[in-house]
Full PDB file with SEQRES, HELIX, SHEET, SSBOND, CRYST1, ORIGX, SCALE, CONECT and MASTER records, all heavy atoms in Angstrom:
SEQRES   1 A   36  MET LEU THR LEU GLY ALA GLY THR TRP HIS PHE ALA LEU          
SEQRES   2 A   36  ASP ARG ALA GLY LEU PHE ARG LEU VAL ASP ALA ALA VAL          
SEQRES   3 A   36  LYS VAL LYS GLU GLY ALA ALA GLU PHE ALA                      
SHEET    1 AA1 3 LEU A   2  THR A   3  0                                        
SHEET    2 AA1 3 THR A   8  LEU A  13 -1                                        
SHEET    3 AA1 3 PHE A  19  ASP A  23 -1                                        
CRYST1    1.000    1.000    1.000  90.00  90.00  90.00 P 1           1          
ORIGX1      1.000000  0.000000  0.000000        0.00000                         
ORIGX2      0.000000  1.000000  0.000000        0.00000                         
ORIGX3      0.000000  0.000000  1.000000        0.00000                         
SCALE1      1.000000  0.000000  0.000000        0.00000                         
SCALE2      0.000000  1.000000  0.000000        0.00000                         
SCALE3      0.000000  0.000000  1.000000        0.00000                         
ATOM      1  N   MET A   1     193.762  16.491 -23.517  1.00  0.00           N  
ATOM      2  CA  MET A   1     193.917  17.564 -22.542  1.00  0.00           C  
ATOM      3  C   MET A   1     193.183  18.771 -23.103  1.00  0.00           C  
ATOM      4  O   MET A   1     193.376  19.131 -24.272  1.00  0.00           O  
ATOM      5  CB  MET A   1     195.393  17.896 -22.312  1.00  0.00           C  
ATOM      6  CG  MET A   1     196.140  16.876 -21.488  1.00  0.00           C  
ATOM      7  SD  MET A   1     195.617  16.860 -19.763  1.00  0.00           S  
ATOM      8  CE  MET A   1     196.754  15.643 -19.099  1.00  0.00           C  
ATOM      9  N   LEU A   2     192.368  19.408 -22.270  1.00  0.00           N  
ATOM     10  CA  LEU A   2     191.516  20.497 -22.732  1.00  0.00           C  
ATOM     11  C   LEU A   2     191.470  21.606 -21.697  1.00  0.00           C  
ATOM     12  O   LEU A   2     191.395  21.347 -20.492  1.00  0.00           O  
ATOM     13  CB  LEU A   2     190.091  19.979 -22.962  1.00  0.00           C  
ATOM     14  CG  LEU A   2     189.013  21.019 -23.278  1.00  0.00           C  
ATOM     15  CD1 LEU A   2     189.239  21.641 -24.654  1.00  0.00           C  
ATOM     16  CD2 LEU A   2     187.621  20.379 -23.204  1.00  0.00           C  
ATOM     17  N   THR A   3     191.532  22.847 -22.173  1.00  0.00           N  
ATOM     18  CA  THR A   3     191.259  23.976 -21.299  1.00  0.00           C  
ATOM     19  C   THR A   3     190.260  24.908 -21.971  1.00  0.00           C  
ATOM     20  O   THR A   3     190.308  25.127 -23.182  1.00  0.00           O  
ATOM     21  CB  THR A   3     192.527  24.768 -20.919  1.00  0.00           C  
ATOM     22  OG1 THR A   3     192.153  25.818 -20.012  1.00  0.00           O  
ATOM     23  CG2 THR A   3     193.212  25.380 -22.127  1.00  0.00           C  
ATOM     24  N   LEU A   4     189.366  25.426 -21.147  1.00  0.00           N  
ATOM     25  CA  LEU A   4     188.394  26.436 -21.568  1.00  0.00           C  
ATOM     26  C   LEU A   4     188.668  27.743 -20.837  1.00  0.00           C  
ATOM     27  O   LEU A   4     187.821  28.632 -20.801  1.00  0.00           O  
ATOM     28  CB  LEU A   4     186.973  25.946 -21.272  1.00  0.00           C  
ATOM     29  CG  LEU A   4     186.599  24.613 -21.915  1.00  0.00           C  
ATOM     30  CD1 LEU A   4     185.321  24.053 -21.306  1.00  0.00           C  
ATOM     31  CD2 LEU A   4     186.461  24.756 -23.420  1.00  0.00           C  
ATOM     32  N   GLY A   5     189.873  27.829 -20.252  1.00  0.00           N  
ATOM     33  CA  GLY A   5     190.265  29.038 -19.533  1.00  0.00           C  
ATOM     34  C   GLY A   5     189.991  28.992 -18.050  1.00  0.00           C  
ATOM     35  O   GLY A   5     190.141  30.002 -17.352  1.00  0.00           O  
ATOM     36  N   ALA A   6     189.610  27.825 -17.546  1.00  0.00           N  
ATOM     37  CA  ALA A   6     189.342  27.687 -16.106  1.00  0.00           C  
ATOM     38  C   ALA A   6     189.883  26.341 -15.626  1.00  0.00           C  
ATOM     39  O   ALA A   6     189.145  25.495 -15.131  1.00  0.00           O  
ATOM     40  CB  ALA A   6     187.847  27.801 -15.820  1.00  0.00           C  
ATOM     41  N   GLY A   7     191.174  26.136 -15.795  1.00  0.00           N  
ATOM     42  CA  GLY A   7     191.800  24.873 -15.436  1.00  0.00           C  
ATOM     43  C   GLY A   7     191.999  23.990 -16.646  1.00  0.00           C  
ATOM     44  O   GLY A   7     191.525  24.285 -17.749  1.00  0.00           O  
ATOM     45  N   THR A   8     192.729  22.892 -16.437  1.00  0.00           N  
ATOM     46  CA  THR A   8     192.998  21.931 -17.504  1.00  0.00           C  
ATOM     47  C   THR A   8     192.351  20.602 -17.157  1.00  0.00           C  
ATOM     48  O   THR A   8     192.519  20.096 -16.046  1.00  0.00           O  
ATOM     49  CB  THR A   8     194.516  21.759 -17.696  1.00  0.00           C  
ATOM     50  OG1 THR A   8     195.071  22.996 -18.162  1.00  0.00           O  
ATOM     51  CG2 THR A   8     194.828  20.674 -18.713  1.00  0.00           C  
ATOM     52  N   TRP A   9     191.609  20.062 -18.110  1.00  0.00           N  
ATOM     53  CA  TRP A   9     190.885  18.805 -17.932  1.00  0.00           C  
ATOM     54  C   TRP A   9     191.567  17.697 -18.718  1.00  0.00           C  
ATOM     55  O   TRP A   9     192.040  17.900 -19.831  1.00  0.00           O  
ATOM     56  CB  TRP A   9     189.442  18.929 -18.429  1.00  0.00           C  
ATOM     57  CG  TRP A   9     188.596  19.935 -17.715  1.00  0.00           C  
ATOM     58  CD1 TRP A   9     188.881  20.576 -16.551  1.00  0.00           C  
ATOM     59  CD2 TRP A   9     187.313  20.426 -18.143  1.00  0.00           C  
ATOM     60  NE1 TRP A   9     187.861  21.443 -16.217  1.00  0.00           N  
ATOM     61  CE2 TRP A   9     186.881  21.370 -17.176  1.00  0.00           C  
ATOM     62  CE3 TRP A   9     186.485  20.172 -19.239  1.00  0.00           C  
ATOM     63  CZ2 TRP A   9     185.664  22.049 -17.277  1.00  0.00           C  
ATOM     64  CZ3 TRP A   9     185.273  20.832 -19.338  1.00  0.00           C  
ATOM     65  CH2 TRP A   9     184.870  21.758 -18.369  1.00  0.00           C  
ATOM     66  N   HIS A  10     191.538  16.492 -18.146  1.00  0.00           N  
ATOM     67  CA  HIS A  10     192.136  15.311 -18.769  1.00  0.00           C  
ATOM     68  C   HIS A  10     191.026  14.295 -19.037  1.00  0.00           C  
ATOM     69  O   HIS A  10     190.273  13.936 -18.127  1.00  0.00           O  
ATOM     70  CB  HIS A  10     193.188  14.721 -17.824  1.00  0.00           C  
ATOM     71  CG  HIS A  10     193.841  13.468 -18.301  1.00  0.00           C  
ATOM     72  ND1 HIS A  10     194.591  12.655 -17.458  1.00  0.00           N  
ATOM     73  CD2 HIS A  10     193.876  12.859 -19.517  1.00  0.00           C  
ATOM     74  CE1 HIS A  10     195.046  11.621 -18.137  1.00  0.00           C  
ATOM     75  NE2 HIS A  10     194.626  11.725 -19.385  1.00  0.00           N  
ATOM     76  N   PHE A  11     190.917  13.842 -20.285  1.00  0.00           N  
ATOM     77  CA  PHE A  11     189.937  12.846 -20.676  1.00  0.00           C  
ATOM     78  C   PHE A  11     190.632  11.656 -21.326  1.00  0.00           C  
ATOM     79  O   PHE A  11     191.736  11.783 -21.859  1.00  0.00           O  
ATOM     80  CB  PHE A  11     188.934  13.428 -21.691  1.00  0.00           C  
ATOM     81  CG  PHE A  11     188.084  14.554 -21.169  1.00  0.00           C  
ATOM     82  CD1 PHE A  11     188.562  15.856 -21.208  1.00  0.00           C  
ATOM     83  CD2 PHE A  11     186.827  14.314 -20.641  1.00  0.00           C  
ATOM     84  CE1 PHE A  11     187.791  16.907 -20.730  1.00  0.00           C  
ATOM     85  CE2 PHE A  11     186.044  15.352 -20.165  1.00  0.00           C  
ATOM     86  CZ  PHE A  11     186.526  16.660 -20.202  1.00  0.00           C  
ATOM     87  N   ALA A  12     189.970  10.514 -21.308  1.00  0.00           N  
ATOM     88  CA  ALA A  12     190.446   9.332 -22.024  1.00  0.00           C  
ATOM     89  C   ALA A  12     189.317   8.801 -22.898  1.00  0.00           C  
ATOM     90  O   ALA A  12     188.142   8.883 -22.534  1.00  0.00           O  
ATOM     91  CB  ALA A  12     190.916   8.256 -21.047  1.00  0.00           C  
ATOM     92  N   LEU A  13     189.680   8.269 -24.060  1.00  0.00           N  
ATOM     93  CA  LEU A  13     188.704   7.752 -25.018  1.00  0.00           C  
ATOM     94  C   LEU A  13     188.362   6.313 -24.662  1.00  0.00           C  
ATOM     95  O   LEU A  13     189.245   5.462 -24.540  1.00  0.00           O  
ATOM     96  CB  LEU A  13     189.283   7.816 -26.431  1.00  0.00           C  
ATOM     97  CG  LEU A  13     188.341   7.489 -27.592  1.00  0.00           C  
ATOM     98  CD1 LEU A  13     187.254   8.548 -27.726  1.00  0.00           C  
ATOM     99  CD2 LEU A  13     189.133   7.369 -28.893  1.00  0.00           C  
ATOM    100  N   ASP A  14     187.048   6.033 -24.504  1.00  0.00           N  
ATOM    101  CA  ASP A  14     186.647   4.661 -24.195  1.00  0.00           C  
ATOM    102  C   ASP A  14     186.408   3.874 -25.479  1.00  0.00           C  
ATOM    103  O   ASP A  14     186.505   4.395 -26.585  1.00  0.00           O  
ATOM    104  CB  ASP A  14     185.440   4.627 -23.246  1.00  0.00           C  
ATOM    105  CG  ASP A  14     184.137   5.109 -23.902  1.00  0.00           C  
ATOM    106  OD1 ASP A  14     184.087   5.255 -25.143  1.00  0.00           O  
ATOM    107  OD2 ASP A  14     183.160   5.343 -23.159  1.00  0.00           O  
ATOM    108  N   ARG A  15     186.091   2.598 -25.327  1.00  0.00           N  
ATOM    109  CA  ARG A  15     185.929   1.717 -26.479  1.00  0.00           C  
ATOM    110  C   ARG A  15     184.731   2.102 -27.341  1.00  0.00           C  
ATOM    111  O   ARG A  15     184.651   1.746 -28.512  1.00  0.00           O  
ATOM    112  CB  ARG A  15     185.772   0.264 -26.009  1.00  0.00           C  
ATOM    113  CG  ARG A  15     187.011  -0.312 -25.350  1.00  0.00           C  
ATOM    114  CD  ARG A  15     188.124  -0.539 -26.356  1.00  0.00           C  
ATOM    115  NE  ARG A  15     189.273  -1.220 -25.758  1.00  0.00           N  
ATOM    116  CZ  ARG A  15     190.336  -1.606 -26.421  1.00  0.00           C  
ATOM    117  NH1 ARG A  15     190.413  -1.363 -27.720  1.00  0.00           N  
ATOM    118  NH2 ARG A  15     191.327  -2.189 -25.812  1.00  0.00           N  
ATOM    119  N   ALA A  16     183.787   2.813 -26.751  1.00  0.00           N  
ATOM    120  CA  ALA A  16     182.594   3.223 -27.495  1.00  0.00           C  
ATOM    121  C   ALA A  16     182.820   4.515 -28.271  1.00  0.00           C  
ATOM    122  O   ALA A  16     181.922   4.980 -28.969  1.00  0.00           O  
ATOM    123  CB  ALA A  16     181.413   3.381 -26.538  1.00  0.00           C  
ATOM    124  N   GLY A  17     184.011   5.117 -28.129  1.00  0.00           N  
ATOM    125  CA  GLY A  17     184.312   6.342 -28.854  1.00  0.00           C  
ATOM    126  C   GLY A  17     183.936   7.609 -28.117  1.00  0.00           C  
ATOM    127  O   GLY A  17     183.818   8.676 -28.724  1.00  0.00           O  
ATOM    128  N   LEU A  18     183.766   7.509 -26.792  1.00  0.00           N  
ATOM    129  CA  LEU A  18     183.423   8.671 -25.977  1.00  0.00           C  
ATOM    130  C   LEU A  18     184.615   9.076 -25.121  1.00  0.00           C  
ATOM    131  O   LEU A  18     185.286   8.214 -24.522  1.00  0.00           O  
ATOM    132  CB  LEU A  18     182.236   8.362 -25.056  1.00  0.00           C  
ATOM    133  CG  LEU A  18     180.920   7.969 -25.730  1.00  0.00           C  
ATOM    134  CD1 LEU A  18     179.899   7.565 -24.674  1.00  0.00           C  
ATOM    135  CD2 LEU A  18     180.387   9.117 -26.577  1.00  0.00           C  
ATOM    136  N   PHE A  19     184.877  10.371 -25.042  1.00  0.00           N  
ATOM    137  CA  PHE A  19     185.904  10.867 -24.138  1.00  0.00           C  
ATOM    138  C   PHE A  19     185.296  11.004 -22.741  1.00  0.00           C  
ATOM    139  O   PHE A  19     184.266  11.664 -22.571  1.00  0.00           O  
ATOM    140  CB  PHE A  19     186.444  12.214 -24.619  1.00  0.00           C  
ATOM    141  CG  PHE A  19     187.412  12.105 -25.751  1.00  0.00           C  
ATOM    142  CD1 PHE A  19     187.001  12.245 -27.068  1.00  0.00           C  
ATOM    143  CD2 PHE A  19     188.760  11.838 -25.506  1.00  0.00           C  
ATOM    144  CE1 PHE A  19     187.896  12.145 -28.121  1.00  0.00           C  
ATOM    145  CE2 PHE A  19     189.671  11.720 -26.548  1.00  0.00           C  
ATOM    146  CZ  PHE A  19     189.237  11.872 -27.860  1.00  0.00           C  
ATOM    147  N   ARG A  20     185.946  10.381 -21.756  1.00  0.00           N  
ATOM    148  CA  ARG A  20     185.447  10.398 -20.377  1.00  0.00           C  
ATOM    149  C   ARG A  20     186.472  11.051 -19.458  1.00  0.00           C  
ATOM    150  O   ARG A  20     187.672  10.888 -19.624  1.00  0.00           O  
ATOM    151  CB  ARG A  20     185.124   8.981 -19.899  1.00  0.00           C  
ATOM    152  CG  ARG A  20     183.950   8.356 -20.651  1.00  0.00           C  
ATOM    153  CD  ARG A  20     183.555   7.009 -20.083  1.00  0.00           C  
ATOM    154  NE  ARG A  20     182.406   6.451 -20.781  1.00  0.00           N  
ATOM    155  CZ  ARG A  20     181.131   6.735 -20.487  1.00  0.00           C  
ATOM    156  NH1 ARG A  20     180.859   7.566 -19.479  1.00  0.00           N  
ATOM    157  NH2 ARG A  20     180.151   6.191 -21.167  1.00  0.00           N  
ATOM    158  N   LEU A  21     185.964  11.784 -18.484  1.00  0.00           N  
ATOM    159  CA  LEU A  21     186.810  12.583 -17.595  1.00  0.00           C  
ATOM    160  C   LEU A  21     187.703  11.705 -16.724  1.00  0.00           C  
ATOM    161  O   LEU A  21     187.248  10.746 -16.109  1.00  0.00           O  
ATOM    162  CB  LEU A  21     185.939  13.473 -16.708  1.00  0.00           C  
ATOM    163  CG  LEU A  21     186.693  14.418 -15.771  1.00  0.00           C  
ATOM    164  CD1 LEU A  21     187.445  15.487 -16.560  1.00  0.00           C  
ATOM    165  CD2 LEU A  21     185.722  15.076 -14.792  1.00  0.00           C  
ATOM    166  N   VAL A  22     188.979  12.071 -16.679  1.00  0.00           N  
ATOM    167  CA  VAL A  22     189.945  11.433 -15.792  1.00  0.00           C  
ATOM    168  C   VAL A  22     190.295  12.369 -14.635  1.00  0.00           C  
ATOM    169  O   VAL A  22     190.362  11.962 -13.480  1.00  0.00           O  
ATOM    170  CB  VAL A  22     191.224  11.046 -16.564  1.00  0.00           C  
ATOM    171  CG1 VAL A  22     192.282  10.484 -15.619  1.00  0.00           C  
ATOM    172  CG2 VAL A  22     190.899  10.040 -17.666  1.00  0.00           C  
ATOM    173  N   ASP A  23     190.503  13.653 -14.944  1.00  0.00           N  
ATOM    174  CA  ASP A  23     190.919  14.619 -13.928  1.00  0.00           C  
ATOM    175  C   ASP A  23     190.463  16.004 -14.367  1.00  0.00           C  
ATOM    176  O   ASP A  23     190.788  16.440 -15.473  1.00  0.00           O  
ATOM    177  CB  ASP A  23     192.446  14.577 -13.772  1.00  0.00           C  
ATOM    178  CG  ASP A  23     192.966  15.441 -12.624  1.00  0.00           C  
ATOM    179  OD1 ASP A  23     192.166  16.182 -12.013  1.00  0.00           O  
ATOM    180  OD2 ASP A  23     194.177  15.379 -12.353  1.00  0.00           O  
ATOM    181  N   ALA A  24     189.722  16.695 -13.505  1.00  0.00           N  
ATOM    182  CA  ALA A  24     189.229  18.037 -13.826  1.00  0.00           C  
ATOM    183  C   ALA A  24     190.097  19.131 -13.223  1.00  0.00           C  
ATOM    184  O   ALA A  24     189.738  20.316 -13.290  1.00  0.00           O  
ATOM    185  CB  ALA A  24     187.794  18.207 -13.342  1.00  0.00           C  
ATOM    186  N   ALA A  25     191.222  18.764 -12.635  1.00  0.00           N  
ATOM    187  CA  ALA A  25     192.103  19.766 -12.018  1.00  0.00           C  
ATOM    188  C   ALA A  25     193.558  19.344 -12.187  1.00  0.00           C  
ATOM    189  O   ALA A  25     194.288  19.143 -11.213  1.00  0.00           O  
ATOM    190  CB  ALA A  25     191.760  19.949 -10.545  1.00  0.00           C  
ATOM    191  N   VAL A  26     193.994  19.217 -13.425  1.00  0.00           N  
ATOM    192  CA  VAL A  26     195.366  18.793 -13.714  1.00  0.00           C  
ATOM    193  C   VAL A  26     196.350  19.862 -13.233  1.00  0.00           C  
ATOM    194  O   VAL A  26     196.149  21.053 -13.472  1.00  0.00           O  
ATOM    195  CB  VAL A  26     195.548  18.548 -15.220  1.00  0.00           C  
ATOM    196  CG1 VAL A  26     196.992  18.191 -15.545  1.00  0.00           C  
ATOM    197  CG2 VAL A  26     194.597  17.465 -15.709  1.00  0.00           C  
ATOM    198  N   LYS A  27     197.407  19.443 -12.572  1.00  0.00           N  
ATOM    199  CA  LYS A  27     198.455  20.352 -12.123  1.00  0.00           C  
ATOM    200  C   LYS A  27     199.820  19.803 -12.529  1.00  0.00           C  
ATOM    201  O   LYS A  27     200.091  18.612 -12.356  1.00  0.00           O  
ATOM    202  CB  LYS A  27     198.431  20.525 -10.591  1.00  0.00           C  
ATOM    203  CG  LYS A  27     197.120  21.102 -10.053  1.00  0.00           C  
ATOM    204  CD  LYS A  27     196.878  22.525 -10.535  1.00  0.00           C  
ATOM    205  CE  LYS A  27     195.567  23.076  -9.991  1.00  0.00           C  
ATOM    206  NZ  LYS A  27     195.231  24.392 -10.581  1.00  0.00           N  
ATOM    207  N   VAL A  28     200.662  20.662 -13.066  1.00  0.00           N  
ATOM    208  CA  VAL A  28     202.015  20.264 -13.439  1.00  0.00           C  
ATOM    209  C   VAL A  28     202.898  20.315 -12.193  1.00  0.00           C  
ATOM    210  O   VAL A  28     203.023  21.366 -11.558  1.00  0.00           O  
ATOM    211  CB  VAL A  28     202.580  21.181 -14.536  1.00  0.00           C  
ATOM    212  CG1 VAL A  28     204.016  20.776 -14.876  1.00  0.00           C  
ATOM    213  CG2 VAL A  28     201.707  21.118 -15.787  1.00  0.00           C  
ATOM    214  N   LYS A  29     203.492  19.185 -11.862  1.00  0.00           N  
ATOM    215  CA  LYS A  29     204.308  19.092 -10.650  1.00  0.00           C  
ATOM    216  C   LYS A  29     205.606  19.884 -10.795  1.00  0.00           C  
ATOM    217  O   LYS A  29     206.177  19.981 -11.886  1.00  0.00           O  
ATOM    218  CB  LYS A  29     204.649  17.642 -10.346  1.00  0.00           C  
ATOM    219  CG  LYS A  29     203.454  16.721 -10.172  1.00  0.00           C  
ATOM    220  CD  LYS A  29     203.917  15.297  -9.928  1.00  0.00           C  
ATOM    221  CE  LYS A  29     202.741  14.335  -9.794  1.00  0.00           C  
ATOM    222  NZ  LYS A  29     202.036  14.155 -11.091  1.00  0.00           N  
ATOM    223  N   GLU A  30     206.089  20.412  -9.682  1.00  0.00           N  
ATOM    224  CA  GLU A  30     207.409  21.032  -9.646  1.00  0.00           C  
ATOM    225  C   GLU A  30     208.397  20.065  -9.002  1.00  0.00           C  
ATOM    226  O   GLU A  30     208.016  19.060  -8.418  1.00  0.00           O  
ATOM    227  CB  GLU A  30     207.354  22.362  -8.886  1.00  0.00           C  
ATOM    228  CG  GLU A  30     206.480  23.397  -9.580  1.00  0.00           C  
ATOM    229  CD  GLU A  30     206.645  24.801  -9.009  1.00  0.00           C  
ATOM    230  OE1 GLU A  30     207.519  24.996  -8.150  1.00  0.00           O  
ATOM    231  OE2 GLU A  30     205.902  25.701  -9.443  1.00  0.00           O  
ATOM    232  N   GLY A  31     209.666  20.375  -9.150  1.00  0.00           N  
ATOM    233  CA  GLY A  31     210.692  19.549  -8.527  1.00  0.00           C  
ATOM    234  C   GLY A  31     211.053  18.296  -9.310  1.00  0.00           C  
ATOM    235  O   GLY A  31     211.793  17.441  -8.798  1.00  0.00           O  
ATOM    236  N   ALA A  32     210.558  18.157 -10.526  1.00  0.00           N  
ATOM    237  CA  ALA A  32     210.861  16.968 -11.321  1.00  0.00           C  
ATOM    238  C   ALA A  32     212.291  17.034 -11.855  1.00  0.00           C  
ATOM    239  O   ALA A  32     212.836  18.114 -12.080  1.00  0.00           O  
ATOM    240  CB  ALA A  32     209.878  16.840 -12.480  1.00  0.00           C  
ATOM    241  N   ALA A  33     212.887  15.875 -12.083  1.00  0.00           N  
ATOM    242  CA  ALA A  33     214.272  15.804 -12.562  1.00  0.00           C  
ATOM    243  C   ALA A  33     214.318  15.196 -13.950  1.00  0.00           C  
ATOM    244  O   ALA A  33     215.084  14.266 -14.220  1.00  0.00           O  
ATOM    245  CB  ALA A  33     215.123  15.000 -11.586  1.00  0.00           C  
ATOM    246  N   GLU A  34     213.486  15.706 -14.848  1.00  0.00           N  
ATOM    247  CA  GLU A  34     213.474  15.258 -16.232  1.00  0.00           C  
ATOM    248  C   GLU A  34     213.456  16.466 -17.159  1.00  0.00           C  
ATOM    249  O   GLU A  34     212.767  17.449 -16.890  1.00  0.00           O  
ATOM    250  CB  GLU A  34     212.249  14.385 -16.529  1.00  0.00           C  
ATOM    251  CG  GLU A  34     212.306  13.013 -15.895  1.00  0.00           C  
ATOM    252  CD  GLU A  34     211.141  12.135 -16.329  1.00  0.00           C  
ATOM    253  OE1 GLU A  34     210.108  12.661 -16.781  1.00  0.00           O  
ATOM    254  OE2 GLU A  34     211.278  10.908 -16.208  1.00  0.00           O  
ATOM    255  N   PHE A  35     214.226  16.384 -18.237  1.00  0.00           N  
ATOM    256  CA  PHE A  35     214.166  17.425 -19.251  1.00  0.00           C  
ATOM    257  C   PHE A  35     214.141  16.765 -20.626  1.00  0.00           C  
ATOM    258  O   PHE A  35     214.662  15.669 -20.814  1.00  0.00           O  
ATOM    259  CB  PHE A  35     215.347  18.397 -19.129  1.00  0.00           C  
ATOM    260  CG  PHE A  35     216.698  17.808 -19.447  1.00  0.00           C  
ATOM    261  CD1 PHE A  35     217.264  17.956 -20.707  1.00  0.00           C  
ATOM    262  CD2 PHE A  35     217.421  17.116 -18.480  1.00  0.00           C  
ATOM    263  CE1 PHE A  35     218.510  17.422 -21.003  1.00  0.00           C  
ATOM    264  CE2 PHE A  35     218.667  16.576 -18.756  1.00  0.00           C  
ATOM    265  CZ  PHE A  35     219.218  16.729 -20.031  1.00  0.00           C  
ATOM    266  N   ALA A  36     213.494  17.448 -21.564  1.00  0.00           N  
ATOM    267  CA  ALA A  36     213.361  16.923 -22.924  1.00  0.00           C  
ATOM    268  C   ALA A  36     213.953  17.923 -23.901  1.00  0.00           C  
ATOM    269  O   ALA A  36     213.521  19.078 -23.962  1.00  0.00           O  
ATOM    270  CB  ALA A  36     211.889  16.675 -23.259  1.00  0.00           C  
TER     271      ALA A  36                                                      
MASTER        0    0    0    0    3    0    0    6  270    1    0    3          
END                                                                             
């Protein structure tokens, strides 16, 4: 998970060792019923 100050980006590491984009506009959902 990465931010450069303009949203949060989600990447996943592939088998070749490269991080590839999964989502360029990650949003934390509201209304969830989980606490840690």
